Amino acid sequence: MSRRRTLSTKKKLALLVSAATVAGGGAFVMASTSNASQTPTVKSAADSTVCQGLATALGNNQRFIEGQRANPDAQSEARIANREAVIQQIKVQQEASGCAAGESAQDSQAAQPSAPAAGAGNTGAGNAGNENAGNAGNAGNAGGGGAASGQQVCNGSTVTLSGEGGAPAASSNQFPAGTKLKVTNLDNNKSTTVEVTSVSGSCALLNNAAFEQVREPGKFLIRRAVIEKVG
């Protein structure tokens, strides 16, 4: 009788262990499935206008840095450090918007028909990077910097933001510092007139404050824009 009770107890323990193992495995599967279902979907620039705008801004800043490194001057290191900080902020915005962090669009800006390839290549370089009117003026004349006041420029360009702070301003690869540009968003008829203060990889790139004046809520890219040189 004692032996039968001992075997019976062992069998019961074995059954309990087996049941616990199965239950634990089931819980693991359920937890894994639950975690998988909670994984957020990361959107690319092709899937979202917001993501495309951020990718464009990131690409513009990357191109600017490449140009400064290819042809550095006395201020290049300071400019590069500033743009690297801007890139980090854009990546934070990408992640917060559900976009692929770090995705850039190097060729997102439409090439200007009037801008020779050589001139366009020099716009991000050291000569165009100098903040004096002489050298920047040479870069501007290659792609429309000599346009008359009131003339529409940058035809076909989209407009996005650089991620830089400060008072409303713009940067450009075609117009020297001091040039005033009027940017109109045709989707909401909002306009802003800003002064070019630095060089970028785009015909007209707005800083955060300027872009905020003409943007549509939740959008980081203006597809239908009119850009005029007004001073």
C-alpha atoms as a PDB file:
ATOM      1  CA  MET A   1       0.000   0.000   0.000  1.00  0.00           C
ATOM      2  CA  SER A   2       2.848   2.384   0.843  1.00  0.00           C
ATOM      3  CA  ARG A   3       4.528   1.783  -2.544  1.00  0.00           C
ATOM      4  CA  ARG A   4       1.285   2.476  -4.438  1.00  0.00           C
ATOM      5  CA  ARG A   5       0.825   5.784  -2.569  1.00  0.00           C
ATOM      6  CA  THR A   6       4.433   6.808  -3.351  1.00  0.00           C
ATOM      7  CA  LEU A   7       4.050   6.130  -7.084  1.00  0.00           C
ATOM      8  CA  SER A   8       0.752   7.895  -7.134  1.00  0.00           C
ATOM      9  CA  THR A   9       2.319  10.982  -5.568  1.00  0.00           C
ATOM     10  CA  LYS A  10       5.182  11.000  -8.118  1.00  0.00           C
ATOM     11  CA  LYS A  11       2.739  10.739 -10.977  1.00  0.00           C
ATOM     12  CA  LYS A  12       0.758  13.638  -9.623  1.00  0.00           C
ATOM     13  CA  LEU A  13       3.892  15.756  -9.365  1.00  0.00           C
ATOM     14  CA  ALA A  14       4.883  14.863 -12.899  1.00  0.00           C
ATOM     15  CA  LEU A  15       1.466  15.823 -14.204  1.00  0.00           C
ATOM     16  CA  LEU A  16       1.587  19.141 -12.355  1.00  0.00           C
ATOM     17  CA  VAL A  17       5.037  19.972 -13.758  1.00  0.00           C
ATOM     18  CA  SER A  18       3.895  19.125 -17.301  1.00  0.00           C
ATOM     19  CA  ALA A  19       0.816  21.285 -16.941  1.00  0.00           C
ATOM     20  CA  ALA A  20       2.882  24.181 -15.639  1.00  0.00           C
ATOM     21  CA  THR A  21       5.305  23.849 -18.541  1.00  0.00           C
ATOM     22  CA  VAL A  22       2.499  23.909 -21.113  1.00  0.00           C
ATOM     23  CA  ALA A  23       0.829  26.842 -19.410  1.00  0.00           C
ATOM     24  CA  GLY A  24       4.110  28.744 -19.244  1.00  0.00           C
ATOM     25  CA  GLY A  25       4.779  28.087 -22.912  1.00  0.00           C
ATOM     26  CA  GLY A  26       1.332  29.326 -23.794  1.00  0.00           C
ATOM     27  CA  ALA A  27       1.861  32.459 -21.735  1.00  0.00           C
ATOM     28  CA  PHE A  28       5.177  33.050 -23.506  1.00  0.00           C
ATOM     29  CA  VAL A  29       3.562  32.702 -26.923  1.00  0.00           C
ATOM     30  CA  MET A  30       0.771  35.054 -25.954  1.00  0.00           C
ATOM     31  CA  ALA A  31       3.235  37.594 -24.580  1.00  0.00           C
ATOM     32  CA  SER A  32       5.347  37.388 -27.727  1.00  0.00           C
ATOM     33  CA  THR A  33       2.288  37.834 -29.929  1.00  0.00           C
ATOM     34  CA  SER A  34       1.149  40.771 -27.826  1.00  0.00           C
ATOM     35  CA  ASN A  35       4.536  42.457 -28.005  1.00  0.00           C
ATOM     36  CA  ALA A  36       4.709  41.933 -31.758  1.00  0.00           C
ATOM     37  CA  SER A  37       1.307  43.485 -32.249  1.00  0.00           C
ATOM     38  CA  GLN A  38       2.401  46.545 -30.256  1.00  0.00           C
ATOM     39  CA  THR A  39       5.490  47.203 -32.420  1.00  0.00           C
ATOM     40  CA  PRO A  40       4.884  50.570 -34.111  1.00  0.00           C
ATOM     41  CA  THR A  41       4.905  50.789 -37.894  1.00  0.00           C
ATOM     42  CA  VAL A  42       7.787  52.933 -39.131  1.00  0.00           C
ATOM     43  CA  LYS A  43       6.863  55.103 -42.101  1.00  0.00           C
ATOM     44  CA  SER A  44       9.269  56.031 -44.875  1.00  0.00           C
ATOM     45  CA  ALA A  45       9.414  59.262 -46.869  1.00  0.00           C
ATOM     46  CA  ALA A  46       7.492  57.533 -49.655  1.00  0.00           C
ATOM     47  CA  ASP A  47       4.595  56.779 -47.294  1.00  0.00           C
ATOM     48  CA  SER A  48       4.152  60.151 -45.607  1.00  0.00           C
ATOM     49  CA  THR A  49       4.376  63.831 -46.545  1.00  0.00           C
ATOM     50  CA  VAL A  50       5.619  64.606 -43.039  1.00  0.00           C
ATOM     51  CA  CYS A  51       8.372  61.999 -43.338  1.00  0.00           C
ATOM     52  CA  GLN A  52       9.312  63.264 -46.789  1.00  0.00           C
ATOM     53  CA  GLY A  53       9.668  66.803 -45.492  1.00  0.00           C
ATOM     54  CA  LEU A  54      11.898  65.714 -42.624  1.00  0.00           C
ATOM     55  CA  ALA A  55      13.969  63.497 -44.926  1.00  0.00           C
ATOM     56  CA  THR A  56      14.411  66.446 -47.280  1.00  0.00           C
ATOM     57  CA  ALA A  57      15.530  68.719 -44.437  1.00  0.00           C
ATOM     58  CA  LEU A  58      17.980  66.069 -43.248  1.00  0.00           C
ATOM     59  CA  GLY A  59      19.379  65.592 -46.754  1.00  0.00           C
ATOM     60  CA  ASN A  60      19.801  69.331 -47.267  1.00  0.00           C
ATOM     61  CA  ASN A  61      21.844  69.647 -44.086  1.00  0.00           C
ATOM     62  CA  GLN A  62      23.938  66.604 -44.971  1.00  0.00           C
ATOM     63  CA  ARG A  63      24.722  68.062 -48.390  1.00  0.00           C
ATOM     64  CA  PHE A  64      25.713  71.363 -46.800  1.00  0.00           C
ATOM     65  CA  ILE A  65      28.116  69.572 -44.447  1.00  0.00           C
ATOM     66  CA  GLU A  66      29.617  67.607 -47.346  1.00  0.00           C
ATOM     67  CA  GLY A  67      30.234  70.833 -49.255  1.00  0.00           C
ATOM     68  CA  GLN A  68      31.894  72.483 -46.270  1.00  0.00           C
ATOM     69  CA  ARG A  69      34.172  69.483 -45.725  1.00  0.00           C
ATOM     70  CA  ALA A  70      35.092  69.335 -49.402  1.00  0.00           C
ATOM     71  CA  ASN A  71      36.112  73.011 -49.492  1.00  0.00           C
ATOM     72  CA  PRO A  72      36.603  74.254 -45.921  1.00  0.00           C
ATOM     73  CA  ASP A  73      37.260  77.816 -44.835  1.00  0.00           C
ATOM     74  CA  ALA A  74      37.860  79.465 -41.468  1.00  0.00           C
ATOM     75  CA  GLN A  75      34.188  79.189 -40.456  1.00  0.00           C
ATOM     76  CA  SER A  76      33.474  75.695 -41.768  1.00  0.00           C
ATOM     77  CA  GLU A  77      33.960  73.861 -38.471  1.00  0.00           C
ATOM     78  CA  ALA A  78      31.481  76.133 -36.708  1.00  0.00           C
ATOM     79  CA  ARG A  79      28.947  75.747 -39.516  1.00  0.00           C
ATOM     80  CA  ILE A  80      29.361  71.964 -39.543  1.00  0.00           C
ATOM     81  CA  ALA A  81      28.898  71.726 -35.769  1.00  0.00           C
ATOM     82  CA  ASN A  82      25.719  73.789 -36.042  1.00  0.00           C
ATOM     83  CA  ARG A  83      24.309  71.663 -38.850  1.00  0.00           C
ATOM     84  CA  GLU A  84      25.166  68.421 -37.054  1.00  0.00           C
ATOM     85  CA  ALA A  85      23.105  69.651 -34.092  1.00  0.00           C
ATOM     86  CA  VAL A  86      20.265  70.446 -36.502  1.00  0.00           C
ATOM     87  CA  ILE A  87      20.476  66.928 -37.962  1.00  0.00           C
ATOM     88  CA  GLN A  88      20.160  65.402 -34.497  1.00  0.00           C
ATOM     89  CA  GLN A  89      17.061  67.492 -33.843  1.00  0.00           C
ATOM     90  CA  ILE A  90      15.531  66.415 -37.166  1.00  0.00           C
ATOM     91  CA  LYS A  91      16.134  62.771 -36.241  1.00  0.00           C
ATOM     92  CA  VAL A  92      14.285  63.350 -32.969  1.00  0.00           C
ATOM     93  CA  GLN A  93      11.383  64.840 -34.944  1.00  0.00           C
ATOM     94  CA  GLN A  94      11.434  61.866 -37.329  1.00  0.00           C
ATOM     95  CA  GLU A  95      11.175  59.401 -34.471  1.00  0.00           C
ATOM     96  CA  ALA A  96       8.409  61.398 -32.791  1.00  0.00           C
ATOM     97  CA  SER A  97       6.463  61.464 -36.075  1.00  0.00           C
ATOM     98  CA  GLY A  98       6.779  57.700 -36.605  1.00  0.00           C
ATOM     99  CA  CYS A  99       9.235  58.145 -39.483  1.00  0.00           C
ATOM    100  CA  ALA A 100      12.404  56.192 -40.153  1.00  0.00           C
ATOM    101  CA  ALA A 101      14.963  58.047 -38.039  1.00  0.00           C
ATOM    102  CA  GLY A 102      18.000  59.058 -40.072  1.00  0.00           C
ATOM    103  CA  GLU A 103      16.308  58.703 -43.472  1.00  0.00           C
ATOM    104  CA  SER A 104      17.425  61.466 -45.810  1.00  0.00           C
ATOM    105  CA  ALA A 105      16.582  62.589 -49.332  1.00  0.00           C
ATOM    106  CA  GLN A 106      19.799  63.871 -50.842  1.00  0.00           C
ATOM    107  CA  ASP A 107      18.272  64.522 -54.264  1.00  0.00           C
ATOM    108  CA  SER A 108      14.889  65.747 -53.072  1.00  0.00           C
ATOM    109  CA  GLN A 109      15.265  69.272 -54.439  1.00  0.00           C
ATOM    110  CA  ALA A 110      14.493  69.681 -58.117  1.00  0.00           C
ATOM    111  CA  ALA A 111      17.493  70.805 -60.146  1.00  0.00           C
ATOM    112  CA  GLN A 112      17.101  74.290 -61.558  1.00  0.00           C
ATOM    113  CA  PRO A 113      17.206  74.313 -65.408  1.00  0.00           C
ATOM    114  CA  SER A 114      19.169  77.568 -65.488  1.00  0.00           C
ATOM    115  CA  ALA A 115      21.841  76.373 -63.088  1.00  0.00           C
ATOM    116  CA  PRO A 116      24.886  74.756 -64.763  1.00  0.00           C
ATOM    117  CA  ALA A 117      26.057  71.542 -63.144  1.00  0.00           C
ATOM    118  CA  ALA A 118      29.410  73.059 -62.194  1.00  0.00           C
ATOM    119  CA  GLY A 119      27.788  76.063 -60.551  1.00  0.00           C
ATOM    120  CA  ALA A 120      25.396  73.877 -58.602  1.00  0.00           C
ATOM    121  CA  GLY A 121      28.263  71.765 -57.363  1.00  0.00           C
ATOM    122  CA  ASN A 122      30.116  74.798 -56.048  1.00  0.00           C
ATOM    123  CA  THR A 123      27.189  76.228 -54.141  1.00  0.00           C
ATOM    124  CA  GLY A 124      27.820  74.065 -51.091  1.00  0.00           C
ATOM    125  CA  ALA A 125      31.564  74.546 -51.259  1.00  0.00           C
ATOM    126  CA  GLY A 126      33.881  76.871 -49.429  1.00  0.00           C
ATOM    127  CA  ASN A 127      33.523  79.873 -51.782  1.00  0.00           C
ATOM    128  CA  ALA A 128      29.743  79.834 -51.596  1.00  0.00           C
ATOM    129  CA  GLY A 129      30.001  79.052 -47.900  1.00  0.00           C
ATOM    130  CA  ASN A 130      31.764  82.341 -47.193  1.00  0.00           C
ATOM    131  CA  GLU A 131      29.349  84.791 -45.656  1.00  0.00           C
ATOM    132  CA  ASN A 132      30.570  87.758 -47.702  1.00  0.00           C
ATOM    133  CA  ALA A 133      28.596  89.192 -50.594  1.00  0.00           C
ATOM    134  CA  GLY A 134      31.423  88.822 -53.100  1.00  0.00           C
ATOM    135  CA  ASN A 135      31.887  85.059 -53.086  1.00  0.00           C
ATOM    136  CA  ALA A 136      28.251  84.279 -52.339  1.00  0.00           C
ATOM    137  CA  GLY A 137      27.273  86.607 -55.144  1.00  0.00           C
ATOM    138  CA  ASN A 138      29.278  84.533 -57.605  1.00  0.00           C
ATOM    139  CA  ALA A 139      27.413  81.412 -56.531  1.00  0.00           C
ATOM    140  CA  GLY A 140      24.116  83.282 -56.768  1.00  0.00           C
ATOM    141  CA  ASN A 141      24.707  84.441 -60.331  1.00  0.00           C
ATOM    142  CA  ALA A 142      25.188  80.819 -61.384  1.00  0.00           C
ATOM    143  CA  GLY A 143      21.639  79.856 -60.398  1.00  0.00           C
ATOM    144  CA  GLY A 144      19.442  82.974 -60.355  1.00  0.00           C
ATOM    145  CA  GLY A 145      21.041  85.273 -57.784  1.00  0.00           C
ATOM    146  CA  GLY A 146      21.063  88.032 -60.387  1.00  0.00           C
ATOM    147  CA  ALA A 147      17.267  87.942 -60.772  1.00  0.00           C
ATOM    148  CA  ALA A 148      15.535  91.328 -60.659  1.00  0.00           C
ATOM    149  CA  SER A 149      13.592  92.383 -57.583  1.00  0.00           C
ATOM    150  CA  GLY A 150      10.004  91.119 -57.738  1.00  0.00           C
ATOM    151  CA  GLN A 151      10.898  88.282 -60.097  1.00  0.00           C
ATOM    152  CA  GLN A 152       9.693  84.752 -59.365  1.00  0.00           C
ATOM    153  CA  VAL A 153      12.618  82.402 -58.754  1.00  0.00           C
ATOM    154  CA  CYS A 154      13.318  78.772 -57.815  1.00  0.00           C
ATOM    155  CA  ASN A 155      10.550  77.566 -60.139  1.00  0.00           C
ATOM    156  CA  GLY A 156       9.450  74.027 -59.302  1.00  0.00           C
ATOM    157  CA  SER A 157      11.256  73.901 -55.942  1.00  0.00           C
ATOM    158  CA  THR A 158       9.634  72.499 -52.842  1.00  0.00           C
ATOM    159  CA  VAL A 159      10.242  74.299 -49.561  1.00  0.00           C
ATOM    160  CA  THR A 160      11.065  72.712 -46.235  1.00  0.00           C
ATOM    161  CA  LEU A 161      12.758  73.682 -42.975  1.00  0.00           C
ATOM    162  CA  SER A 162      16.382  73.573 -41.899  1.00  0.00           C
ATOM    163  CA  GLY A 163      15.643  72.815 -38.255  1.00  0.00           C
ATOM    164  CA  GLU A 164      17.527  75.937 -37.159  1.00  0.00           C
ATOM    165  CA  GLY A 165      16.195  78.284 -34.506  1.00  0.00           C
ATOM    166  CA  GLY A 166      16.332  82.055 -34.277  1.00  0.00           C
ATOM    167  CA  ALA A 167      14.329  84.841 -35.911  1.00  0.00           C
ATOM    168  CA  PRO A 168      12.630  84.080 -39.259  1.00  0.00           C
ATOM    169  CA  ALA A 169      15.315  83.670 -41.923  1.00  0.00           C
ATOM    170  CA  ALA A 170      16.297  81.585 -44.938  1.00  0.00           C
ATOM    171  CA  SER A 171      19.360  79.928 -46.407  1.00  0.00           C
ATOM    172  CA  SER A 172      20.058  79.393 -50.102  1.00  0.00           C
ATOM    173  CA  ASN A 173      22.487  77.946 -52.600  1.00  0.00           C
ATOM    174  CA  GLN A 174      21.618  80.588 -55.203  1.00  0.00           C
ATOM    175  CA  PHE A 175      21.240  83.898 -53.372  1.00  0.00           C
ATOM    176  CA  PRO A 176      23.852  85.772 -51.304  1.00  0.00           C
ATOM    177  CA  ALA A 177      23.383  86.765 -47.693  1.00  0.00           C
ATOM    178  CA  GLY A 178      21.200  89.855 -47.437  1.00  0.00           C
ATOM    179  CA  THR A 179      18.843  88.863 -50.263  1.00  0.00           C
ATOM    180  CA  LYS A 180      15.176  89.070 -49.313  1.00  0.00           C
ATOM    181  CA  LEU A 181      12.843  86.317 -50.498  1.00  0.00           C
ATOM    182  CA  LYS A 182       9.068  86.127 -50.274  1.00  0.00           C
ATOM    183  CA  VAL A 183       7.775  82.569 -49.900  1.00  0.00           C
ATOM    184  CA  THR A 184       4.075  81.860 -50.457  1.00  0.00           C
ATOM    185  CA  ASN A 185       2.410  78.549 -49.650  1.00  0.00           C
ATOM    186  CA  LEU A 186      -0.282  78.143 -52.316  1.00  0.00           C
ATOM    187  CA  ASP A 187      -2.072  75.482 -50.260  1.00  0.00           C
ATOM    188  CA  ASN A 188      -3.077  78.002 -47.577  1.00  0.00           C
ATOM    189  CA  ASN A 189      -2.105  81.352 -49.185  1.00  0.00           C
ATOM    190  CA  LYS A 190       0.214  82.225 -46.291  1.00  0.00           C
ATOM    191  CA  SER A 191       3.361  84.202 -47.070  1.00  0.00           C
ATOM    192  CA  THR A 192       6.536  85.240 -45.298  1.00  0.00           C
ATOM    193  CA  THR A 193       9.319  87.583 -46.384  1.00  0.00           C
ATOM    194  CA  VAL A 194      12.716  86.642 -44.988  1.00  0.00           C
ATOM    195  CA  GLU A 195      16.351  87.522 -45.430  1.00  0.00           C
ATOM    196  CA  VAL A 196      18.932  84.997 -46.598  1.00  0.00           C
ATOM    197  CA  THR A 197      21.489  84.651 -43.808  1.00  0.00           C
ATOM    198  CA  SER A 198      23.440  81.507 -44.738  1.00  0.00           C
ATOM    199  CA  VAL A 199      24.165  78.904 -47.384  1.00  0.00           C
ATOM    200  CA  SER A 200      22.313  75.596 -47.787  1.00  0.00           C
ATOM    201  CA  GLY A 201      21.792  72.895 -50.376  1.00  0.00           C
ATOM    202  CA  SER A 202      18.448  74.322 -51.544  1.00  0.00           C
ATOM    203  CA  CYS A 203      17.289  77.323 -53.532  1.00  0.00           C
ATOM    204  CA  ALA A 204      15.297  78.471 -50.501  1.00  0.00           C
ATOM    205  CA  LEU A 205      15.367  76.726 -47.135  1.00  0.00           C
ATOM    206  CA  LEU A 206      13.410  78.272 -44.242  1.00  0.00           C
ATOM    207  CA  ASN A 207      14.424  78.084 -40.611  1.00  0.00           C
ATOM    208  CA  ASN A 208      11.898  76.902 -38.028  1.00  0.00           C
ATOM    209  CA  ALA A 209      10.375  80.325 -37.273  1.00  0.00           C
ATOM    210  CA  ALA A 210       9.918  81.248 -40.936  1.00  0.00           C
ATOM    211  CA  PHE A 211       8.500  77.849 -41.854  1.00  0.00           C
ATOM    212  CA  GLU A 212       6.027  78.082 -38.974  1.00  0.00           C
ATOM    213  CA  GLN A 213       4.582  81.243 -40.538  1.00  0.00           C
ATOM    214  CA  VAL A 214       3.553  79.499 -43.767  1.00  0.00           C
ATOM    215  CA  ARG A 215       3.224  75.817 -42.942  1.00  0.00           C
ATOM    216  CA  GLU A 216       0.077  73.710 -42.822  1.00  0.00           C
ATOM    217  CA  PRO A 217      -0.438  71.925 -39.477  1.00  0.00           C
ATOM    218  CA  GLY A 218       1.510  68.669 -39.268  1.00  0.00           C
ATOM    219  CA  LYS A 219       3.351  69.172 -42.563  1.00  0.00           C
ATOM    220  CA  PHE A 220       7.085  69.625 -43.009  1.00  0.00           C
ATOM    221  CA  LEU A 221       7.081  70.145 -46.771  1.00  0.00           C
ATOM    222  CA  ILE A 222       5.485  72.771 -49.027  1.00  0.00           C
ATOM    223  CA  ARG A 223       4.969  71.229 -52.438  1.00  0.00           C
ATOM    224  CA  ARG A 224       3.210  74.200 -54.072  1.00  0.00           C
ATOM    225  CA  ALA A 225       5.279  77.259 -53.290  1.00  0.00           C
ATOM    226  CA  VAL A 226       5.921  80.563 -55.048  1.00  0.00           C
ATOM    227  CA  ILE A 227       9.281  82.131 -54.250  1.00  0.00           C
ATOM    228  CA  GLU A 228       9.990  85.735 -55.232  1.00  0.00           C
ATOM    229  CA  LYS A 229      13.113  87.841 -54.902  1.00  0.00           C
ATOM    230  CA  VAL A 230      11.940  91.089 -53.340  1.00  0.00           C
ATOM    231  CA  GLY A 231      15.176  92.724 -52.306  1.00  0.00           C
END
